[in-house]
Amino acid sequence: CMATVLAGVSLAFVWQLASQAYSDHGFDPTNVHVVELRPPNPMAVFTVTPAEIIAARQRRRAVIEGLPGIEAVTFASAVPGRVAQFSSLIPKPAGVEGDAVRSIVVWADVGYTELLRMKLLYGNALTAADTDGVLVNQTLARRLWERENVIGEPIAVYRGRGLMRVVGVLKDVSFGHPGEDIQPMVFALLAQGSFGDAIVVRSAASDEDIRRLLQRRVDEGALN
């Protein structure tokens, strides 16, 4: 059951994106904090149904949104400074020569780009209706299509899933060291089966205050 899977969940760490101190972030790190909650046995989440995972995520959202000083909350598999572990080899579209492009894949909840205030160059941010929609960064757009405005273009993000479509193009953001080359990136709605979510909140409170508030809820079992 869900209680068994998540019993003993721990607050792994909290940090502010403002620590990413370099010019022209491509997003606004002001008052953004990132939290990880880790179950004692990460492999056990594969025994939980997608419906249970979605319900747990919604419950966590409601708890966190109700904390004093929290302005917004979203979930994602990666944020700047915490690079996604998942990547995919994306084939070039018909008519464009060249090899497939290795791209980082970020699973993100609705409201992710808005909370980080990432700069949308073309199109729209993801909504709950965009189950087959993705966002791409400038680098991926140029590598695949040799241009940046690629709204409506089909894209094969990974095997076993049909073609998806680009609904927005984001300004390049460094998710690693600011001195590194920008990697091709694609952003899709958060995978139902993911429990490795980073919790992203916007709040004027300090890291320590947020840690204390969340740890209290963890200890009470409210974030299980």
N, C-alpha and C. Protein backbone atom coordinates (compact mmCIF):
# COMPACT_ATOMS: atom_id res chain seq x y z
N CYS A 1 0.84 -1.19 0.00
CA CYS A 1 0.00 0.00 0.00
C CYS A 1 0.88 1.24 0.00
N MET A 2 0.29 2.36 -0.25
CA MET A 2 1.06 3.60 -0.36
C MET A 2 1.78 3.91 0.96
N ALA A 3 1.14 3.67 2.10
CA ALA A 3 1.78 3.98 3.38
C ALA A 3 3.04 3.16 3.57
N THR A 4 2.99 1.91 3.16
CA THR A 4 4.17 1.06 3.29
C THR A 4 5.29 1.55 2.40
N VAL A 5 4.96 1.90 1.17
CA VAL A 5 5.97 2.33 0.21
C VAL A 5 6.68 3.59 0.68
N LEU A 6 5.93 4.53 1.25
CA LEU A 6 6.50 5.83 1.56
C LEU A 6 6.77 6.04 3.05
N ALA A 7 6.56 5.05 3.84
CA ALA A 7 6.82 5.22 5.27
C ALA A 7 8.29 5.59 5.48
N GLY A 8 8.51 6.60 6.30
CA GLY A 8 9.88 7.00 6.60
C GLY A 8 10.48 7.93 5.55
N VAL A 9 9.64 8.50 4.70
CA VAL A 9 10.16 9.43 3.70
C VAL A 9 10.97 10.52 4.39
N SER A 10 12.09 10.88 3.81
CA SER A 10 12.97 11.85 4.46
C SER A 10 13.14 13.10 3.61
N LEU A 11 13.42 14.19 4.28
CA LEU A 11 13.71 15.45 3.61
C LEU A 11 15.18 15.43 3.23
N ALA A 12 15.46 15.23 1.93
CA ALA A 12 16.85 15.04 1.52
C ALA A 12 17.64 16.34 1.58
N PHE A 13 17.13 17.38 0.97
CA PHE A 13 17.81 18.66 1.07
C PHE A 13 16.91 19.77 0.55
N VAL A 14 17.27 20.98 0.90
CA VAL A 14 16.58 22.18 0.44
C VAL A 14 17.66 23.17 0.03
N TRP A 15 17.50 23.77 -1.12
CA TRP A 15 18.44 24.83 -1.47
C TRP A 15 17.75 25.85 -2.36
N GLN A 16 18.34 27.03 -2.44
CA GLN A 16 17.77 28.09 -3.23
C GLN A 16 18.45 28.17 -4.58
N LEU A 17 17.65 28.38 -5.62
CA LEU A 17 18.23 28.53 -6.96
C LEU A 17 19.00 29.83 -7.08
N ALA A 18 18.81 30.74 -6.15
CA ALA A 18 19.56 31.99 -6.20
C ALA A 18 21.06 31.73 -6.09
N SER A 19 21.42 30.54 -5.61
CA SER A 19 22.84 30.19 -5.54
C SER A 19 23.44 30.02 -6.92
N GLN A 20 22.59 29.90 -7.94
CA GLN A 20 23.09 29.83 -9.31
C GLN A 20 23.42 31.26 -9.76
N ALA A 21 24.52 31.78 -9.24
CA ALA A 21 24.81 33.21 -9.40
C ALA A 21 25.62 33.48 -10.66
N TYR A 22 24.91 33.63 -11.75
CA TYR A 22 25.56 34.02 -12.98
C TYR A 22 24.57 34.85 -13.79
N SER A 23 25.07 35.60 -14.74
CA SER A 23 24.22 36.55 -15.44
C SER A 23 23.30 35.86 -16.44
N ASP A 24 22.14 36.48 -16.69
CA ASP A 24 21.18 36.03 -17.69
C ASP A 24 20.86 34.55 -17.51
N HIS A 25 20.21 34.23 -16.43
CA HIS A 25 19.87 32.84 -16.14
C HIS A 25 18.98 32.22 -17.22
N GLY A 26 18.12 33.03 -17.81
CA GLY A 26 17.06 32.48 -18.65
C GLY A 26 15.85 32.11 -17.82
N PHE A 27 15.95 32.33 -16.51
CA PHE A 27 14.85 32.14 -15.58
C PHE A 27 15.10 33.05 -14.39
N ASP A 28 14.12 33.15 -13.49
CA ASP A 28 14.26 34.01 -12.32
C ASP A 28 14.38 33.15 -11.07
N PRO A 29 15.58 33.07 -10.46
CA PRO A 29 15.77 32.21 -9.29
C PRO A 29 15.34 32.86 -7.98
N THR A 30 14.86 34.09 -8.03
CA THR A 30 14.54 34.81 -6.79
C THR A 30 13.48 34.06 -5.99
N ASN A 31 13.80 33.77 -4.73
CA ASN A 31 12.86 33.14 -3.79
C ASN A 31 12.41 31.74 -4.23
N VAL A 32 13.18 31.09 -5.08
CA VAL A 32 12.85 29.72 -5.49
C VAL A 32 13.68 28.73 -4.68
N HIS A 33 13.02 27.77 -4.07
CA HIS A 33 13.66 26.73 -3.27
C HIS A 33 13.33 25.37 -3.89
N VAL A 34 14.26 24.45 -3.76
CA VAL A 34 14.06 23.10 -4.31
C VAL A 34 14.19 22.09 -3.18
N VAL A 35 13.27 21.15 -3.15
CA VAL A 35 13.20 20.17 -2.08
C VAL A 35 13.15 18.77 -2.70
N GLU A 36 13.82 17.81 -2.06
CA GLU A 36 13.65 16.42 -2.44
C GLU A 36 13.16 15.63 -1.24
N LEU A 37 12.17 14.78 -1.48
CA LEU A 37 11.68 13.84 -0.49
C LEU A 37 12.01 12.44 -1.00
N ARG A 38 12.70 11.66 -0.21
CA ARG A 38 13.14 10.35 -0.67
C ARG A 38 12.55 9.24 0.20
N PRO A 39 11.87 8.26 -0.42
CA PRO A 39 11.39 7.10 0.34
C PRO A 39 12.56 6.21 0.72
N PRO A 40 12.44 5.41 1.76
CA PRO A 40 13.55 4.57 2.19
C PRO A 40 13.96 3.52 1.16
N ASN A 41 13.01 3.07 0.35
CA ASN A 41 13.29 2.08 -0.69
C ASN A 41 12.78 2.60 -2.02
N PRO A 42 13.61 3.31 -2.79
CA PRO A 42 13.14 3.93 -4.04
C PRO A 42 12.56 2.93 -5.03
N MET A 43 13.06 1.69 -5.03
CA MET A 43 12.56 0.70 -5.98
C MET A 43 11.12 0.29 -5.69
N ALA A 44 10.68 0.49 -4.46
CA ALA A 44 9.34 0.08 -4.08
C ALA A 44 8.26 0.87 -4.81
N VAL A 45 8.61 2.05 -5.33
CA VAL A 45 7.59 2.86 -6.00
C VAL A 45 7.07 2.19 -7.26
N PHE A 46 7.82 1.23 -7.80
CA PHE A 46 7.38 0.56 -9.02
C PHE A 46 6.22 -0.39 -8.74
N THR A 47 5.90 -0.63 -7.47
CA THR A 47 4.75 -1.45 -7.12
C THR A 47 3.50 -0.62 -6.91
N VAL A 48 3.62 0.68 -7.04
CA VAL A 48 2.49 1.58 -6.82
C VAL A 48 1.87 1.93 -8.16
N THR A 49 0.56 2.04 -8.20
CA THR A 49 -0.12 2.36 -9.45
C THR A 49 0.02 3.85 -9.77
N PRO A 50 -0.06 4.20 -11.06
CA PRO A 50 -0.02 5.62 -11.42
C PRO A 50 -1.09 6.44 -10.71
N ALA A 51 -2.27 5.85 -10.52
CA ALA A 51 -3.34 6.59 -9.85
C ALA A 51 -2.95 6.93 -8.41
N GLU A 52 -2.26 6.00 -7.72
CA GLU A 52 -1.82 6.26 -6.35
C GLU A 52 -0.74 7.33 -6.32
N ILE A 53 0.14 7.31 -7.31
CA ILE A 53 1.20 8.32 -7.37
C ILE A 53 0.62 9.70 -7.62
N ILE A 54 -0.33 9.78 -8.54
CA ILE A 54 -0.97 11.07 -8.83
C ILE A 54 -1.70 11.58 -7.58
N ALA A 55 -2.40 10.69 -6.89
CA ALA A 55 -3.12 11.09 -5.68
C ALA A 55 -2.15 11.58 -4.61
N ALA A 56 -1.01 10.90 -4.46
CA ALA A 56 -0.02 11.32 -3.46
C ALA A 56 0.57 12.67 -3.83
N ARG A 57 0.82 12.89 -5.10
CA ARG A 57 1.38 14.17 -5.53
C ARG A 57 0.37 15.30 -5.28
N GLN A 58 -0.89 15.04 -5.57
CA GLN A 58 -1.92 16.06 -5.33
C GLN A 58 -2.04 16.36 -3.84
N ARG A 59 -1.91 15.31 -3.03
CA ARG A 59 -1.99 15.50 -1.58
C ARG A 59 -0.80 16.34 -1.09
N ARG A 60 0.39 16.03 -1.60
CA ARG A 60 1.57 16.81 -1.23
C ARG A 60 1.42 18.27 -1.66
N ARG A 61 0.87 18.47 -2.86
CA ARG A 61 0.68 19.84 -3.34
C ARG A 61 -0.23 20.60 -2.38
N ALA A 62 -1.33 19.99 -2.00
CA ALA A 62 -2.29 20.66 -1.12
C ALA A 62 -1.65 21.00 0.22
N VAL A 63 -0.85 20.07 0.76
CA VAL A 63 -0.19 20.32 2.05
C VAL A 63 0.79 21.48 1.93
N ILE A 64 1.62 21.46 0.88
CA ILE A 64 2.66 22.48 0.74
C ILE A 64 2.05 23.84 0.43
N GLU A 65 1.02 23.86 -0.41
CA GLU A 65 0.38 25.14 -0.73
C GLU A 65 -0.25 25.76 0.51
N GLY A 66 -0.60 24.94 1.49
CA GLY A 66 -1.23 25.45 2.70
C GLY A 66 -0.26 25.95 3.74
N LEU A 67 1.05 25.79 3.49
CA LEU A 67 2.04 26.25 4.46
C LEU A 67 2.18 27.77 4.40
N PRO A 68 2.43 28.42 5.53
CA PRO A 68 2.56 29.88 5.52
C PRO A 68 3.76 30.33 4.69
N GLY A 69 3.51 31.34 3.86
CA GLY A 69 4.58 31.94 3.08
C GLY A 69 4.86 31.28 1.74
N ILE A 70 4.17 30.17 1.42
CA ILE A 70 4.38 29.50 0.14
C ILE A 70 3.51 30.19 -0.92
N GLU A 71 4.15 30.70 -1.96
CA GLU A 71 3.42 31.40 -3.02
C GLU A 71 2.99 30.47 -4.15
N ALA A 72 3.82 29.47 -4.46
CA ALA A 72 3.50 28.56 -5.55
C ALA A 72 4.32 27.29 -5.37
N VAL A 73 3.83 26.19 -5.93
CA VAL A 73 4.54 24.91 -5.85
C VAL A 73 4.34 24.14 -7.14
N THR A 74 5.37 23.45 -7.58
CA THR A 74 5.28 22.56 -8.74
C THR A 74 6.25 21.41 -8.53
N PHE A 75 6.23 20.45 -9.43
CA PHE A 75 7.09 19.27 -9.32
C PHE A 75 7.84 19.07 -10.64
N ALA A 76 9.02 18.47 -10.57
CA ALA A 76 9.79 18.23 -11.79
C ALA A 76 10.88 17.21 -11.53
N SER A 77 11.39 16.63 -12.62
CA SER A 77 12.50 15.69 -12.50
C SER A 77 13.84 16.41 -12.46
N ALA A 78 13.86 17.70 -12.78
CA ALA A 78 15.12 18.45 -12.80
C ALA A 78 14.84 19.93 -12.71
N VAL A 79 15.82 20.66 -12.17
CA VAL A 79 15.81 22.12 -12.14
C VAL A 79 17.25 22.56 -12.41
N PRO A 80 17.47 23.83 -12.72
CA PRO A 80 18.85 24.29 -12.87
C PRO A 80 19.68 23.95 -11.63
N GLY A 81 20.80 23.32 -11.83
CA GLY A 81 21.63 22.86 -10.72
C GLY A 81 21.38 21.42 -10.35
N ARG A 82 20.30 20.85 -10.82
CA ARG A 82 19.97 19.44 -10.60
C ARG A 82 19.56 18.87 -11.95
N VAL A 83 20.52 18.32 -12.68
CA VAL A 83 20.29 17.91 -14.07
C VAL A 83 19.51 16.60 -14.10
N ALA A 84 18.58 16.51 -15.05
CA ALA A 84 17.82 15.28 -15.22
C ALA A 84 18.74 14.12 -15.57
N GLN A 85 18.41 12.95 -15.07
CA GLN A 85 19.21 11.76 -15.35
C GLN A 85 18.76 11.06 -16.63
N PHE A 86 17.60 11.43 -17.13
CA PHE A 86 17.04 10.75 -18.29
C PHE A 86 17.36 11.53 -19.57
N SER A 87 17.80 10.81 -20.59
CA SER A 87 18.04 11.44 -21.88
C SER A 87 17.50 10.53 -22.96
N SER A 88 17.32 11.07 -24.14
CA SER A 88 16.76 10.31 -25.25
C SER A 88 17.46 10.70 -26.54
N LEU A 89 17.60 9.72 -27.44
CA LEU A 89 18.18 9.98 -28.75
C LEU A 89 17.03 10.29 -29.70
N ILE A 90 16.92 11.55 -30.09
CA ILE A 90 15.78 12.01 -30.88
C ILE A 90 16.16 12.11 -32.35
N PRO A 91 15.46 11.37 -33.22
CA PRO A 91 15.81 11.41 -34.65
C PRO A 91 15.46 12.75 -35.28
N LYS A 92 16.24 13.11 -36.29
CA LYS A 92 15.94 14.35 -37.01
C LYS A 92 14.68 14.15 -37.86
N PRO A 93 13.94 15.22 -38.09
CA PRO A 93 12.70 15.10 -38.87
C PRO A 93 13.00 14.81 -40.33
N ALA A 94 11.99 14.34 -41.02
CA ALA A 94 12.13 14.06 -42.44
C ALA A 94 12.58 15.31 -43.18
N GLY A 95 13.53 15.15 -44.07
CA GLY A 95 14.00 16.27 -44.87
C GLY A 95 15.19 17.00 -44.29
N VAL A 96 15.56 16.66 -43.05
CA VAL A 96 16.72 17.29 -42.42
C VAL A 96 17.81 16.22 -42.26
N GLU A 97 18.94 16.45 -42.87
CA GLU A 97 20.01 15.47 -42.82
C GLU A 97 20.77 15.54 -41.49
N GLY A 98 21.39 14.42 -41.16
CA GLY A 98 22.23 14.40 -39.97
C GLY A 98 21.82 13.32 -38.99
N ASP A 99 22.66 13.13 -37.98
CA ASP A 99 22.43 12.11 -36.96
C ASP A 99 21.37 12.55 -35.96
N ALA A 100 20.81 11.55 -35.27
CA ALA A 100 19.88 11.84 -34.19
C ALA A 100 20.59 12.65 -33.10
N VAL A 101 19.80 13.38 -32.32
CA VAL A 101 20.34 14.30 -31.32
C VAL A 101 20.05 13.76 -29.92
N ARG A 102 21.08 13.62 -29.12
CA ARG A 102 20.91 13.22 -27.72
C ARG A 102 20.41 14.42 -26.92
N SER A 103 19.27 14.26 -26.28
CA SER A 103 18.65 15.37 -25.56
C SER A 103 18.31 14.97 -24.13
N ILE A 104 18.53 15.88 -23.20
CA ILE A 104 18.05 15.70 -21.83
C ILE A 104 16.52 15.83 -21.84
N VAL A 105 15.85 14.94 -21.12
CA VAL A 105 14.39 15.00 -21.00
C VAL A 105 14.03 15.40 -19.57
N VAL A 106 13.30 16.48 -19.43
CA VAL A 106 12.84 16.94 -18.12
C VAL A 106 11.34 16.71 -18.03
N TRP A 107 10.94 15.94 -17.03
CA TRP A 107 9.52 15.75 -16.76
C TRP A 107 9.08 16.85 -15.80
N ALA A 108 8.11 17.63 -16.20
CA ALA A 108 7.73 18.79 -15.39
C ALA A 108 6.21 18.87 -15.26
N ASP A 109 5.79 19.34 -14.11
CA ASP A 109 4.38 19.51 -13.83
C ASP A 109 3.88 20.81 -14.46
N VAL A 110 2.57 20.91 -14.59
CA VAL A 110 1.96 22.17 -15.02
C VAL A 110 2.40 23.28 -14.06
N GLY A 111 2.76 24.42 -14.60
CA GLY A 111 3.18 25.55 -13.78
C GLY A 111 4.68 25.63 -13.56
N TYR A 112 5.43 24.65 -14.06
CA TYR A 112 6.88 24.61 -13.86
C TYR A 112 7.57 25.81 -14.48
N THR A 113 7.34 26.05 -15.76
CA THR A 113 8.03 27.17 -16.42
C THR A 113 7.56 28.51 -15.88
N GLU A 114 6.29 28.57 -15.46
CA GLU A 114 5.79 29.82 -14.90
C GLU A 114 6.42 30.11 -13.54
N LEU A 115 6.54 29.09 -12.71
CA LEU A 115 7.13 29.31 -11.38
C LEU A 115 8.58 29.76 -11.52
N LEU A 116 9.33 29.12 -12.42
CA LEU A 116 10.72 29.51 -12.63
C LEU A 116 10.86 30.76 -13.51
N ARG A 117 9.73 31.19 -14.06
CA ARG A 117 9.71 32.36 -14.95
C ARG A 117 10.72 32.20 -16.08
N MET A 118 10.71 31.01 -16.65
CA MET A 118 11.55 30.74 -17.80
C MET A 118 11.01 31.51 -19.00
N LYS A 119 11.90 31.94 -19.86
CA LYS A 119 11.53 32.82 -20.97
C LYS A 119 11.06 32.00 -22.16
N LEU A 120 9.79 32.17 -22.49
CA LEU A 120 9.18 31.48 -23.62
C LEU A 120 9.33 32.35 -24.86
N LEU A 121 10.04 31.84 -25.85
CA LEU A 121 10.30 32.61 -27.07
C LEU A 121 9.20 32.47 -28.10
N TYR A 122 8.64 31.27 -28.20
CA TYR A 122 7.56 30.99 -29.15
C TYR A 122 6.56 30.05 -28.50
N GLY A 123 5.29 30.20 -28.87
CA GLY A 123 4.27 29.27 -28.42
C GLY A 123 3.81 29.51 -27.00
N ASN A 124 3.42 28.42 -26.35
CA ASN A 124 2.79 28.50 -25.03
C ASN A 124 3.42 27.51 -24.06
N ALA A 125 3.20 27.76 -22.77
CA ALA A 125 3.64 26.83 -21.74
C ALA A 125 2.74 25.60 -21.75
N LEU A 126 3.19 24.52 -21.12
CA LEU A 126 2.39 23.30 -21.06
C LEU A 126 1.18 23.48 -20.15
N THR A 127 0.06 22.91 -20.57
CA THR A 127 -1.14 22.86 -19.75
C THR A 127 -1.50 21.40 -19.52
N ALA A 128 -2.46 21.16 -18.65
CA ALA A 128 -2.87 19.79 -18.35
C ALA A 128 -3.39 19.07 -19.59
N ALA A 129 -3.86 19.84 -20.57
CA ALA A 129 -4.40 19.24 -21.79
C ALA A 129 -3.30 18.80 -22.76
N ASP A 130 -2.06 19.23 -22.52
CA ASP A 130 -0.97 18.95 -23.46
C ASP A 130 -0.30 17.61 -23.16
N THR A 131 -1.09 16.53 -23.13
CA THR A 131 -0.52 15.23 -22.82
C THR A 131 0.46 14.76 -23.89
N ASP A 132 0.31 15.26 -25.11
CA ASP A 132 1.24 14.91 -26.18
C ASP A 132 2.06 16.13 -26.62
N GLY A 133 2.06 17.17 -25.79
CA GLY A 133 2.82 18.37 -26.12
C GLY A 133 4.13 18.42 -25.37
N VAL A 134 5.11 19.10 -25.95
CA VAL A 134 6.41 19.27 -25.30
C VAL A 134 6.90 20.69 -25.52
N LEU A 135 7.82 21.11 -24.67
CA LEU A 135 8.59 22.32 -24.88
C LEU A 135 10.01 21.90 -25.25
N VAL A 136 10.66 22.67 -26.10
CA VAL A 136 12.07 22.41 -26.43
C VAL A 136 12.85 23.69 -26.19
N ASN A 137 14.15 23.56 -25.93
CA ASN A 137 14.96 24.77 -25.81
C ASN A 137 15.51 25.16 -27.18
N GLN A 138 16.11 26.33 -27.24
CA GLN A 138 16.64 26.83 -28.51
C GLN A 138 17.64 25.87 -29.12
N THR A 139 18.49 25.31 -28.27
CA THR A 139 19.55 24.44 -28.76
C THR A 139 18.97 23.21 -29.46
N LEU A 140 17.98 22.58 -28.86
CA LEU A 140 17.38 21.41 -29.50
C LEU A 140 16.67 21.79 -30.79
N ALA A 141 15.97 22.91 -30.78
CA ALA A 141 15.28 23.35 -32.00
C ALA A 141 16.28 23.54 -33.14
N ARG A 142 17.40 24.18 -32.85
CA ARG A 142 18.40 24.41 -33.91
C ARG A 142 19.05 23.10 -34.36
N ARG A 143 19.30 22.19 -33.41
CA ARG A 143 19.96 20.93 -33.77
C ARG A 143 19.04 20.05 -34.62
N LEU A 144 17.75 20.04 -34.30
CA LEU A 144 16.83 19.17 -35.03
C LEU A 144 16.31 19.78 -36.32
N TRP A 145 15.89 21.05 -36.24
CA TRP A 145 15.21 21.65 -37.38
C TRP A 145 16.01 22.76 -38.06
N GLU A 146 17.13 23.13 -37.45
CA GLU A 146 18.01 24.18 -37.99
C GLU A 146 17.33 25.55 -37.99
N ARG A 147 16.40 25.74 -37.05
CA ARG A 147 15.73 27.03 -36.83
C ARG A 147 15.13 27.00 -35.43
N GLU A 148 14.60 28.12 -34.98
CA GLU A 148 14.10 28.17 -33.61
C GLU A 148 12.58 28.11 -33.48
N ASN A 149 11.85 28.72 -34.40
CA ASN A 149 10.39 28.68 -34.31
C ASN A 149 9.89 27.37 -34.92
N VAL A 150 9.69 26.38 -34.04
CA VAL A 150 9.30 25.04 -34.52
C VAL A 150 7.96 24.63 -33.92
N ILE A 151 7.10 25.60 -33.64
CA ILE A 151 5.79 25.32 -33.06
C ILE A 151 5.00 24.42 -34.00
N GLY A 152 4.42 23.38 -33.42
CA GLY A 152 3.60 22.45 -34.19
C GLY A 152 4.35 21.31 -34.83
N GLU A 153 5.68 21.32 -34.73
CA GLU A 153 6.47 20.25 -35.35
C GLU A 153 6.34 18.96 -34.54
N PRO A 154 6.25 17.81 -35.24
CA PRO A 154 6.22 16.53 -34.53
C PRO A 154 7.62 16.16 -34.04
N ILE A 155 7.68 15.43 -32.93
CA ILE A 155 8.96 15.04 -32.36
C ILE A 155 8.81 13.68 -31.68
N ALA A 156 9.76 12.80 -31.93
CA ALA A 156 9.76 11.46 -31.32
C ALA A 156 10.66 11.50 -30.09
N VAL A 157 10.08 11.74 -28.93
CA VAL A 157 10.87 11.96 -27.73
C VAL A 157 11.52 10.67 -27.25
N TYR A 158 10.78 9.57 -27.26
CA TYR A 158 11.37 8.31 -26.83
C TYR A 158 10.58 7.15 -27.41
N ARG A 159 11.23 6.00 -27.45
CA ARG A 159 10.60 4.80 -28.01
C ARG A 159 9.40 4.37 -27.18
N GLY A 160 8.45 3.76 -27.87
CA GLY A 160 7.27 3.27 -27.18
C GLY A 160 6.19 4.31 -27.02
N ARG A 161 6.45 5.51 -27.48
CA ARG A 161 5.47 6.60 -27.42
C ARG A 161 5.35 7.18 -28.81
N GLY A 162 4.13 7.48 -29.22
CA GLY A 162 3.93 8.05 -30.54
C GLY A 162 4.52 9.44 -30.65
N LEU A 163 4.38 10.01 -31.81
CA LEU A 163 4.91 11.36 -32.02
C LEU A 163 4.22 12.36 -31.09
N MET A 164 5.02 13.27 -30.54
CA MET A 164 4.50 14.36 -29.74
C MET A 164 4.66 15.64 -30.56
N ARG A 165 4.17 16.75 -30.08
CA ARG A 165 4.26 18.00 -30.84
C ARG A 165 4.80 19.14 -29.98
N VAL A 166 5.58 19.97 -30.61
CA VAL A 166 6.17 21.11 -29.92
C VAL A 166 5.11 22.19 -29.74
N VAL A 167 4.87 22.60 -28.49
CA VAL A 167 3.91 23.67 -28.23
C VAL A 167 4.60 24.96 -27.79
N GLY A 168 5.90 24.86 -27.44
CA GLY A 168 6.62 26.07 -27.02
C GLY A 168 8.11 25.89 -27.14
N VAL A 169 8.80 27.01 -27.35
CA VAL A 169 10.27 27.02 -27.43
C VAL A 169 10.79 27.95 -26.34
N LEU A 170 11.67 27.40 -25.47
CA LEU A 170 12.20 28.14 -24.34
C LEU A 170 13.58 28.70 -24.63
N LYS A 171 13.86 29.84 -24.06
CA LYS A 171 15.22 30.37 -24.09
C LYS A 171 16.14 29.38 -23.41
N ASP A 172 17.34 29.22 -23.95
CA ASP A 172 18.31 28.30 -23.37
C ASP A 172 18.60 28.65 -21.91
N VAL A 173 18.62 27.62 -21.06
CA VAL A 173 18.97 27.75 -19.65
C VAL A 173 20.01 26.70 -19.32
N SER A 174 21.06 27.08 -18.62
CA SER A 174 22.06 26.11 -18.19
C SER A 174 21.55 25.37 -16.97
N PHE A 175 21.42 24.04 -17.07
CA PHE A 175 21.02 23.22 -15.93
C PHE A 175 22.25 22.68 -15.19
N GLY A 176 23.44 22.86 -15.77
CA GLY A 176 24.67 22.45 -15.13
C GLY A 176 25.48 23.66 -14.74
N HIS A 177 26.79 23.55 -14.86
CA HIS A 177 27.65 24.69 -14.57
C HIS A 177 27.45 25.75 -15.64
N PRO A 178 27.36 27.03 -15.26
CA PRO A 178 27.10 28.08 -16.25
C PRO A 178 28.16 28.18 -17.33
N GLY A 179 29.35 27.64 -17.08
CA GLY A 179 30.40 27.69 -18.09
C GLY A 179 30.30 26.58 -19.11
N GLU A 180 29.43 25.59 -18.86
CA GLU A 180 29.28 24.47 -19.78
C GLU A 180 28.43 24.86 -20.98
N ASP A 181 28.62 24.13 -22.07
CA ASP A 181 27.77 24.33 -23.24
C ASP A 181 26.33 23.95 -22.89
N ILE A 182 25.38 24.68 -23.45
CA ILE A 182 23.97 24.36 -23.24
C ILE A 182 23.65 23.05 -23.94
N GLN A 183 22.97 22.16 -23.22
CA GLN A 183 22.59 20.87 -23.79
C GLN A 183 21.21 20.95 -24.42
N PRO A 184 20.95 20.18 -25.48
CA PRO A 184 19.59 20.09 -26.02
C PRO A 184 18.66 19.57 -24.94
N MET A 185 17.47 20.16 -24.82
CA MET A 185 16.54 19.77 -23.77
C MET A 185 15.12 19.77 -24.29
N VAL A 186 14.34 18.79 -23.80
CA VAL A 186 12.92 18.72 -24.10
C VAL A 186 12.18 18.57 -22.78
N PHE A 187 11.05 19.26 -22.65
CA PHE A 187 10.27 19.27 -21.41
C PHE A 187 8.88 18.71 -21.72
N ALA A 188 8.49 17.67 -20.97
CA ALA A 188 7.17 17.06 -21.15
C ALA A 188 6.48 17.00 -19.80
N LEU A 189 5.16 16.79 -19.82
CA LEU A 189 4.43 16.71 -18.56
C LEU A 189 4.96 15.56 -17.72
N LEU A 190 4.97 15.76 -16.43
CA LEU A 190 5.56 14.84 -15.47
C LEU A 190 5.03 13.43 -15.67
N ALA A 191 5.96 12.48 -15.74
CA ALA A 191 5.59 11.08 -15.91
C ALA A 191 4.75 10.63 -14.73
N GLN A 192 3.66 9.94 -15.01
CA GLN A 192 2.79 9.48 -13.93
C GLN A 192 3.53 8.58 -12.97
N GLY A 193 4.48 7.80 -13.47
CA GLY A 193 5.17 6.84 -12.63
C GLY A 193 6.35 7.39 -11.89
N SER A 194 6.55 8.71 -11.89
CA SER A 194 7.73 9.28 -11.25
C SER A 194 7.46 9.60 -9.79
N PHE A 195 8.33 9.06 -8.90
CA PHE A 195 8.28 9.51 -7.52
C PHE A 195 9.62 10.12 -7.13
N GLY A 196 10.45 10.40 -8.12
CA GLY A 196 11.71 11.08 -7.86
C GLY A 196 11.57 12.56 -8.08
N ASP A 197 10.39 13.07 -7.80
CA ASP A 197 10.11 14.47 -8.06
C ASP A 197 10.95 15.39 -7.19
N ALA A 198 11.47 16.45 -7.79
CA ALA A 198 11.93 17.59 -7.01
C ALA A 198 10.70 18.47 -6.78
N ILE A 199 10.54 18.95 -5.57
CA ILE A 199 9.45 19.86 -5.25
C ILE A 199 10.02 21.26 -5.33
N VAL A 200 9.42 22.09 -6.16
CA VAL A 200 9.92 23.44 -6.40
C VAL A 200 8.90 24.42 -5.84
N VAL A 201 9.35 25.29 -4.93
CA VAL A 201 8.43 26.25 -4.33
C VAL A 201 8.99 27.66 -4.48
N ARG A 202 8.09 28.59 -4.56
CA ARG A 202 8.48 30.00 -4.53
C ARG A 202 8.00 30.58 -3.21
N SER A 203 8.95 31.13 -2.44
CA SER A 203 8.63 31.68 -1.13
C SER A 203 9.73 32.64 -0.71
N ALA A 204 9.34 33.70 -0.01
CA ALA A 204 10.32 34.65 0.52
C ALA A 204 10.95 34.14 1.81
N ALA A 205 10.47 33.00 2.31
CA ALA A 205 11.03 32.44 3.53
C ALA A 205 12.45 31.93 3.27
N SER A 206 13.20 31.73 4.34
CA SER A 206 14.56 31.22 4.21
C SER A 206 14.55 29.72 3.99
N ASP A 207 15.70 29.19 3.52
CA ASP A 207 15.84 27.75 3.39
C ASP A 207 15.54 27.05 4.71
N GLU A 208 16.08 27.59 5.79
CA GLU A 208 15.90 26.97 7.10
C GLU A 208 14.44 26.95 7.52
N ASP A 209 13.72 28.05 7.26
CA ASP A 209 12.30 28.09 7.61
C ASP A 209 11.52 27.05 6.80
N ILE A 210 11.82 26.94 5.52
CA ILE A 210 11.13 25.97 4.68
C ILE A 210 11.47 24.55 5.12
N ARG A 211 12.74 24.32 5.40
CA ARG A 211 13.15 23.00 5.89
C ARG A 211 12.38 22.63 7.17
N ARG A 212 12.29 23.60 8.09
CA ARG A 212 11.60 23.34 9.35
C ARG A 212 10.12 23.04 9.12
N LEU A 213 9.46 23.84 8.27
CA LEU A 213 8.04 23.63 7.98
C LEU A 213 7.80 22.27 7.35
N LEU A 214 8.63 21.93 6.36
CA LEU A 214 8.43 20.67 5.67
C LEU A 214 8.79 19.48 6.54
N GLN A 215 9.86 19.61 7.34
CA GLN A 215 10.25 18.51 8.20
C GLN A 215 9.15 18.20 9.21
N ARG A 216 8.49 19.24 9.69
CA ARG A 216 7.39 19.03 10.62
C ARG A 216 6.28 18.23 9.96
N ARG A 217 5.97 18.57 8.70
CA ARG A 217 4.92 17.83 7.98
C ARG A 217 5.36 16.41 7.68
N VAL A 218 6.66 16.23 7.36
CA VAL A 218 7.18 14.87 7.16
C VAL A 218 7.04 14.05 8.42
N ASP A 219 7.43 14.62 9.55
CA ASP A 219 7.36 13.91 10.83
C ASP A 219 5.91 13.55 11.19
N GLU A 220 4.99 14.41 10.78
CA GLU A 220 3.56 14.15 11.04
C GLU A 220 2.97 13.13 10.07
N GLY A 221 3.73 12.81 9.00
CA GLY A 221 3.23 11.88 7.99
C GLY A 221 2.39 12.53 6.93
N ALA A 222 2.32 13.86 6.93
CA ALA A 222 1.45 14.57 6.00
C ALA A 222 1.98 14.55 4.57
N LEU A 223 3.29 14.32 4.40
CA LEU A 223 3.88 14.30 3.05
C LEU A 223 4.19 12.89 2.58
N ASN A 224 3.68 11.87 3.26
CA ASN A 224 3.87 10.49 2.83
C ASN A 224 2.97 10.18 1.64
